[in-house]
Amino acid sequence: MSTTKTRLLEFLSYLDIGQNAFEKKVGISNGYISHIKGSIGSDIINKITYVYPKLNAEWLLTGEGEMLKDVSMNNVNGNGNTSVAGNGNITNANITEMLELQKGYQEMIKTSQVQLSESQSQINRLITIIEQLHHE
């Protein structure tokens, strides 16, 4: 019977990535994989599946099912060049839409920052007025 560690190493082999590179990419401590004794905590699973969303977490934890989620894919290594076909997949149109959304969010953030700055200026003016009134 394979362990969680064995299955994770199998996934790394599938990706053709070393443990250190994987740990760095996922944001877990160097040597984490080498020290796995039993299962993996949910926080680590969340980090792994965030970076590698096509990895089947159930398979990783229990060995049940397939290593990869049921989609047809050409690349699941999380390198930003993902090209997949089928349901729930990334396409050029999706990427363009995501970039447009990102631009919109950035504009909203800029607007919010300006409003926050203006509000802070108003607060500072009110504090000054209150302090002046307090000293009179």
Protein backbone atom coordinates (compact mmCIF):
# COMPACT_ATOMS: atom_id res chain seq x y z
CA MET A 1 0.00 0.00 0.00
CA SER A 2 1.42 3.38 -0.98
CA THR A 3 1.71 6.27 1.45
CA THR A 4 0.87 9.92 0.97
CA LYS A 5 4.59 10.61 0.68
CA THR A 6 4.99 7.93 -2.00
CA ARG A 7 2.06 9.33 -3.97
CA LEU A 8 3.43 12.86 -3.70
CA LEU A 9 6.79 11.63 -4.99
CA GLU A 10 4.95 9.90 -7.84
CA PHE A 11 3.29 13.21 -8.70
CA LEU A 12 6.68 14.97 -8.65
CA SER A 13 8.04 12.30 -10.96
CA TYR A 14 5.08 12.82 -13.27
CA LEU A 15 5.83 16.57 -13.30
CA ASP A 16 9.53 15.87 -13.73
CA ILE A 17 10.32 18.30 -10.91
CA GLY A 18 12.64 17.86 -7.93
CA GLN A 19 11.55 18.02 -4.31
CA ASN A 20 13.31 21.32 -3.61
CA ALA A 21 11.85 23.03 -6.68
CA PHE A 22 8.38 21.70 -5.80
CA GLU A 23 8.64 22.82 -2.18
CA LYS A 24 9.76 26.28 -3.26
CA LYS A 25 7.00 26.59 -5.87
CA VAL A 26 4.30 25.47 -3.44
CA GLY A 27 5.66 27.60 -0.59
CA ILE A 28 6.46 24.86 1.90
CA SER A 29 9.66 24.48 3.90
CA ASN A 30 12.74 23.03 2.30
CA GLY A 31 12.96 19.34 3.20
CA TYR A 32 9.25 19.05 4.07
CA ILE A 33 8.69 16.11 1.75
CA SER A 34 11.67 14.21 3.12
CA HIS A 35 10.25 14.50 6.62
CA ILE A 36 6.68 13.36 5.89
CA LYS A 37 5.86 10.50 8.24
CA GLY A 38 2.11 10.10 7.84
CA SER A 39 -0.49 12.23 6.17
CA ILE A 40 -0.23 15.83 5.05
CA GLY A 41 -2.07 18.64 6.80
CA SER A 42 -4.94 20.40 5.08
CA ASP A 43 -2.97 23.66 4.91
CA ILE A 44 -0.25 21.95 2.86
CA ILE A 45 -2.83 20.17 0.68
CA ASN A 46 -4.44 23.55 0.01
CA LYS A 47 -1.10 25.05 -1.01
CA ILE A 48 -0.33 22.12 -3.32
CA THR A 49 -3.73 22.06 -5.00
CA TYR A 50 -3.68 25.85 -5.39
CA VAL A 51 -0.45 25.62 -7.40
CA TYR A 52 -1.43 22.33 -9.08
CA PRO A 53 -5.23 22.45 -9.39
CA LYS A 54 -5.38 19.37 -11.63
CA LEU A 55 -3.94 17.16 -8.87
CA ASN A 56 -6.63 14.99 -7.31
CA ALA A 57 -6.32 15.69 -3.56
CA GLU A 58 -8.34 12.58 -2.73
CA TRP A 59 -5.82 10.44 -4.61
CA LEU A 60 -2.95 12.17 -2.85
CA LEU A 61 -4.43 11.61 0.60
CA THR A 62 -6.07 8.19 0.20
CA GLY A 63 -4.79 6.64 -3.00
CA GLU A 64 -8.39 6.44 -4.26
CA GLY A 65 -9.16 7.48 -7.82
CA GLU A 66 -6.76 8.85 -10.39
CA MET A 67 -3.75 11.07 -9.77
CA LEU A 68 -5.19 13.82 -11.98
CA LYS A 69 -8.69 15.21 -12.00
CA ASP A 70 -10.85 13.97 -14.84
CA VAL A 71 -9.95 16.41 -17.61
CA SER A 72 -8.02 16.07 -20.81
CA MET A 73 -4.81 18.03 -20.42
CA ASN A 74 -1.54 18.63 -22.17
CA ASN A 75 0.27 20.36 -19.33
CA VAL A 76 -0.38 20.47 -15.59
CA ASN A 77 2.98 21.60 -14.29
CA GLY A 78 1.81 25.03 -13.18
CA ASN A 79 4.44 26.88 -15.22
CA GLY A 80 2.02 29.44 -16.62
CA ASN A 81 1.94 27.78 -20.04
CA THR A 82 -1.01 25.54 -19.30
CA SER A 83 -2.83 24.42 -22.41
CA VAL A 84 -5.74 22.11 -21.77
CA ALA A 85 -8.85 21.02 -23.61
CA GLY A 86 -12.24 20.07 -22.25
CA ASN A 87 -14.45 21.14 -19.36
CA GLY A 88 -13.09 23.74 -16.90
CA ASN A 89 -9.98 24.38 -18.91
CA ILE A 90 -7.75 27.35 -19.54
CA THR A 91 -7.88 28.81 -23.05
CA ASN A 92 -6.53 31.98 -24.64
CA ALA A 93 -10.01 33.49 -24.33
CA ASN A 94 -10.07 32.66 -20.60
CA ILE A 95 -6.64 34.19 -20.14
CA THR A 96 -7.70 37.35 -21.99
CA GLU A 97 -10.82 37.57 -19.83
CA MET A 98 -8.79 37.07 -16.66
CA LEU A 99 -6.33 39.79 -17.71
CA GLU A 100 -9.22 42.18 -18.36
CA LEU A 101 -10.67 41.36 -14.94
CA GLN A 102 -7.27 41.94 -13.39
CA LYS A 103 -7.04 45.37 -15.06
CA GLY A 104 -10.49 46.21 -13.73
CA TYR A 105 -9.50 45.13 -10.22
CA GLN A 106 -6.32 47.19 -10.43
CA GLU A 107 -8.36 50.26 -11.40
CA MET A 108 -10.76 49.61 -8.52
CA ILE A 109 -7.79 49.36 -6.14
CA LYS A 110 -6.34 52.64 -7.43
CA THR A 111 -9.71 54.37 -7.01
CA SER A 112 -10.07 52.93 -3.52
CA GLN A 113 -6.58 54.09 -2.60
CA VAL A 114 -7.37 57.65 -3.75
CA GLN A 115 -10.63 57.61 -1.79
CA LEU A 116 -8.86 56.24 1.27
CA SER A 117 -6.20 58.95 1.00
CA GLU A 118 -8.88 61.64 0.72
CA SER A 119 -10.74 60.19 3.70
CA GLN A 120 -7.53 60.13 5.74
CA SER A 121 -6.93 63.79 4.87
CA GLN A 122 -10.44 64.66 6.03
CA ILE A 123 -9.93 62.70 9.25
CA ASN A 124 -6.64 64.51 9.89
CA ARG A 125 -8.35 67.89 9.34
CA LEU A 126 -11.14 66.93 11.76
CA ILE A 127 -8.62 65.81 14.38
CA THR A 128 -6.84 69.15 14.04
CA ILE A 129 -10.12 71.03 14.47
CA ILE A 130 -11.07 68.92 17.51
CA GLU A 131 -7.67 69.47 19.09
CA GLN A 132 -7.95 73.22 18.50
CA LEU A 133 -11.42 73.28 20.05
CA HIS A 134 -10.19 71.22 22.98
CA HIS A 135 -7.40 73.70 23.73
CA GLU A 136 -9.65 76.79 23.61
